[in-house]
């Protein structure tokens, strides 16, 4: 059986290698460090990755025979959440985070695994919720190593992240606690 023991660390576009296989997995399986599965070709493969590594769609992994395999995020049933204002979207994100639900943060939307209880909660908060089949790429979490998969204004320390954090905090606490950084 083919073994995969490491994820290549730099972005896919930086590699000039031949991709010699694909491994399509839902998010739940891409979180596992040990997994027996099959490549798209049907060949059996065993994942034996360091604990805590999360595979993302587009990641490249090295197989024991030297092949480079691309990870594909399998489309799965998700709730696509949009709101009429950034503060309403921040409120929805706050309530989902309070329930420790994996959430994908996108430009003007949230996505989470389909769940009828959470869907009803979001609708009561005024969110527009659609059912989709799409790749699910939730945030890694505040304490996950290696940073976020988003590398733009949305990521931790980015302008939009900081604005949403301040807005949710202010609404939750009832007063302004803007971050003031002194140099």
Protein backbone atom coordinates (compact mmCIF):
# COMPACT_ATOMS: atom_id res chain seq x y z
CA UNK A 1 0.00 0.00 0.00
CA UNK A 2 1.21 3.51 -0.86
CA UNK A 3 2.05 5.63 2.19
CA UNK A 4 1.73 9.40 2.58
CA UNK A 5 3.76 10.76 5.48
CA UNK A 6 4.29 14.43 4.69
CA UNK A 7 2.58 17.52 3.33
CA UNK A 8 4.64 19.83 1.14
CA UNK A 9 4.92 23.14 2.98
CA UNK A 10 4.96 25.84 0.29
CA UNK A 11 2.02 26.88 -1.95
CA UNK A 12 1.11 24.65 -4.88
CA UNK A 13 1.90 27.28 -7.49
CA UNK A 14 5.49 27.44 -6.19
CA UNK A 15 6.09 23.83 -7.24
CA UNK A 16 7.17 22.85 -10.72
CA UNK A 17 6.50 19.15 -10.26
CA UNK A 18 4.30 16.68 -12.01
CA UNK A 19 1.14 15.88 -10.05
CA UNK A 20 0.80 12.10 -10.28
CA UNK A 21 -2.47 11.46 -8.51
CA UNK A 22 -5.35 13.00 -6.61
CA UNK A 23 -6.88 12.20 -3.26
CA UNK A 24 -10.42 13.51 -2.79
CA UNK A 25 -11.59 13.76 0.83
CA UNK A 26 -14.33 15.53 2.83
CA UNK A 27 -13.21 17.88 5.62
CA UNK A 28 -13.74 15.30 8.35
CA UNK A 29 -11.24 12.93 6.69
CA UNK A 30 -8.78 15.76 5.91
CA UNK A 31 -8.42 16.36 9.67
CA UNK A 32 -7.27 12.80 10.41
CA UNK A 33 -3.61 11.99 10.80
CA UNK A 34 -4.19 8.25 10.23
CA UNK A 35 -6.51 7.08 7.47
CA UNK A 36 -6.76 4.23 4.98
CA UNK A 37 -8.36 5.42 1.73
CA UNK A 38 -7.99 5.34 -2.06
CA UNK A 39 -6.63 7.69 -4.69
CA UNK A 40 -8.92 8.69 -7.58
CA UNK A 41 -7.22 5.90 -9.56
CA UNK A 42 -8.47 3.34 -7.02
CA UNK A 43 -5.01 2.66 -5.57
CA UNK A 44 -5.04 2.12 -1.79
CA UNK A 45 -3.20 4.69 0.27
CA UNK A 46 -2.46 5.11 3.95
CA UNK A 47 -2.16 8.57 5.46
CA UNK A 48 0.34 8.74 8.30
CA UNK A 49 0.70 12.47 8.88
CA UNK A 50 1.92 14.32 11.97
CA UNK A 51 -0.91 14.93 14.42
CA UNK A 52 -2.58 18.30 13.96
CA UNK A 53 -1.93 18.61 10.22
CA UNK A 54 -5.10 19.52 8.32
CA UNK A 55 -5.16 18.85 4.62
CA UNK A 56 -6.71 21.58 2.47
CA UNK A 57 -7.93 21.43 -1.11
CA UNK A 58 -4.92 22.15 -3.32
CA UNK A 59 -2.34 20.87 -0.81
CA UNK A 60 0.34 18.59 -2.18
CA UNK A 61 1.59 15.54 -0.32
CA UNK A 62 4.57 13.28 -0.89
CA UNK A 63 3.98 9.56 -1.35
CA UNK A 64 6.46 6.87 -0.28
CA UNK A 65 7.32 6.11 -3.92
CA UNK A 66 8.23 9.75 -4.66
CA UNK A 67 4.97 10.74 -6.36
CA UNK A 68 3.37 14.08 -5.57
CA UNK A 69 -0.36 13.75 -4.89
CA UNK A 70 -2.83 16.64 -4.90
CA UNK A 71 -5.50 16.86 -2.20
CA UNK A 72 -9.00 17.72 -3.49
CA UNK A 73 -11.67 19.01 -1.09
CA UNK A 74 -14.70 16.81 -1.74
CA UNK A 75 -17.96 18.73 -2.13
CA UNK A 76 -20.23 18.13 0.85
CA UNK A 77 -23.56 19.34 2.17
CA UNK A 78 -23.06 22.77 3.72
CA UNK A 79 -25.14 25.71 4.84
CA UNK A 80 -24.16 28.92 3.04
CA UNK A 81 -24.99 31.88 5.29
CA UNK A 82 -25.32 35.50 4.20
CA UNK A 83 -26.62 38.48 6.15
CA UNK A 84 -27.85 41.95 5.27
CA UNK A 85 -24.98 43.70 7.11
CA UNK A 86 -21.46 42.93 8.34
CA UNK A 87 -22.65 43.29 11.95
CA UNK A 88 -25.38 40.65 11.38
CA UNK A 89 -22.80 38.33 9.81
CA UNK A 90 -20.46 38.94 12.77
CA UNK A 91 -23.33 38.13 15.15
CA UNK A 92 -24.02 34.86 13.30
CA UNK A 93 -20.31 33.99 13.44
CA UNK A 94 -20.22 34.78 17.15
CA UNK A 95 -23.15 32.45 17.91
CA UNK A 96 -21.65 29.64 15.79
CA UNK A 97 -18.28 30.09 17.48
CA UNK A 98 -19.98 29.98 20.86
CA UNK A 99 -21.15 26.48 19.88
CA UNK A 100 -17.62 25.47 18.75
CA UNK A 101 -18.82 24.70 15.23
CA UNK A 102 -16.23 24.57 12.43
CA UNK A 103 -16.97 27.57 10.18
CA UNK A 104 -15.57 28.63 6.83
CA UNK A 105 -15.26 32.41 6.60
CA UNK A 106 -15.55 33.93 3.13
CA UNK A 107 -16.01 37.39 1.69
CA UNK A 108 -19.53 38.22 2.90
CA UNK A 109 -20.52 34.66 3.85
CA UNK A 110 -20.07 31.83 6.33
CA UNK A 111 -20.31 28.11 5.63
CA UNK A 112 -20.82 25.23 8.01
CA UNK A 113 -21.74 21.58 7.81
CA UNK A 114 -25.47 21.11 7.25
CA UNK A 115 -27.31 21.01 10.59
CA UNK A 116 -31.03 21.71 10.94
CA UNK A 117 -30.77 23.03 14.53
CA UNK A 118 -28.07 25.55 13.59
CA UNK A 119 -29.99 26.45 10.44
CA UNK A 120 -33.03 27.40 12.53
CA UNK A 121 -30.87 29.43 14.94
CA UNK A 122 -29.31 31.33 12.03
CA UNK A 123 -32.71 32.07 10.48
CA UNK A 124 -33.95 33.41 13.84
CA UNK A 125 -30.93 35.74 13.80
CA UNK A 126 -32.13 37.03 10.41
CA UNK A 127 -29.58 35.21 8.25
CA UNK A 128 -30.33 34.01 4.74
CA UNK A 129 -29.39 30.30 4.62
CA UNK A 130 -28.95 28.23 1.45
CA UNK A 131 -28.18 24.53 1.12
CA UNK A 132 -25.16 23.86 -1.12
CA UNK A 133 -22.85 21.03 -2.13
CA UNK A 134 -19.42 22.64 -1.99
CA UNK A 135 -15.89 22.02 -0.72
CA UNK A 136 -15.78 22.83 3.02
CA UNK A 137 -12.64 24.64 4.22
CA UNK A 138 -13.31 25.89 7.77
CA UNK A 139 -10.91 27.97 9.81
CA UNK A 140 -8.20 25.98 11.54
CA UNK A 141 -8.92 27.59 14.91
CA UNK A 142 -7.23 30.21 17.01
CA UNK A 143 -4.72 27.80 18.55
CA UNK A 144 -3.91 25.71 15.48
CA UNK A 145 -0.33 25.77 14.30
CA UNK A 146 0.63 27.08 10.90
CA UNK A 147 -1.78 29.99 10.74
CA UNK A 148 -4.97 30.37 8.76
CA UNK A 149 -5.62 29.13 5.27
CA UNK A 150 -6.85 32.59 4.31
CA UNK A 151 -4.03 34.90 3.31
CA UNK A 152 -5.79 38.21 2.77
CA UNK A 153 -7.66 40.86 4.73
CA UNK A 154 -9.87 38.17 6.35
CA UNK A 155 -7.07 36.36 8.19
CA UNK A 156 -6.04 36.90 11.82
CA UNK A 157 -4.57 40.36 12.12
CA UNK A 158 -6.18 41.40 8.83
CA UNK A 159 -8.32 44.53 8.55
CA UNK A 160 -11.68 42.74 8.18
CA UNK A 161 -10.88 40.24 10.95
CA UNK A 162 -10.01 43.07 13.36
CA UNK A 163 -13.16 45.05 12.45
CA UNK A 164 -15.40 42.00 12.98
CA UNK A 165 -13.66 41.18 16.27
CA UNK A 166 -14.13 44.73 17.58
CA UNK A 167 -17.76 44.87 16.41
CA UNK A 168 -18.72 41.54 17.99
CA UNK A 169 -16.92 42.43 21.22
CA UNK A 170 -18.57 45.86 21.42
CA UNK A 171 -22.05 44.40 20.79
CA UNK A 172 -21.48 41.61 23.32
CA UNK A 173 -20.06 43.85 26.07
CA UNK A 174 -22.19 46.91 25.33
CA UNK A 175 -19.28 49.32 25.03
CA UNK A 176 -16.22 50.16 22.93
CA UNK A 177 -12.92 48.36 23.55
CA UNK A 178 -11.00 49.39 20.42
CA UNK A 179 -7.49 48.03 20.22
CA UNK A 180 -4.87 50.73 20.59
CA UNK A 181 -1.37 49.68 19.66
CA UNK A 182 1.52 51.80 20.92
CA UNK A 183 4.92 51.71 19.28
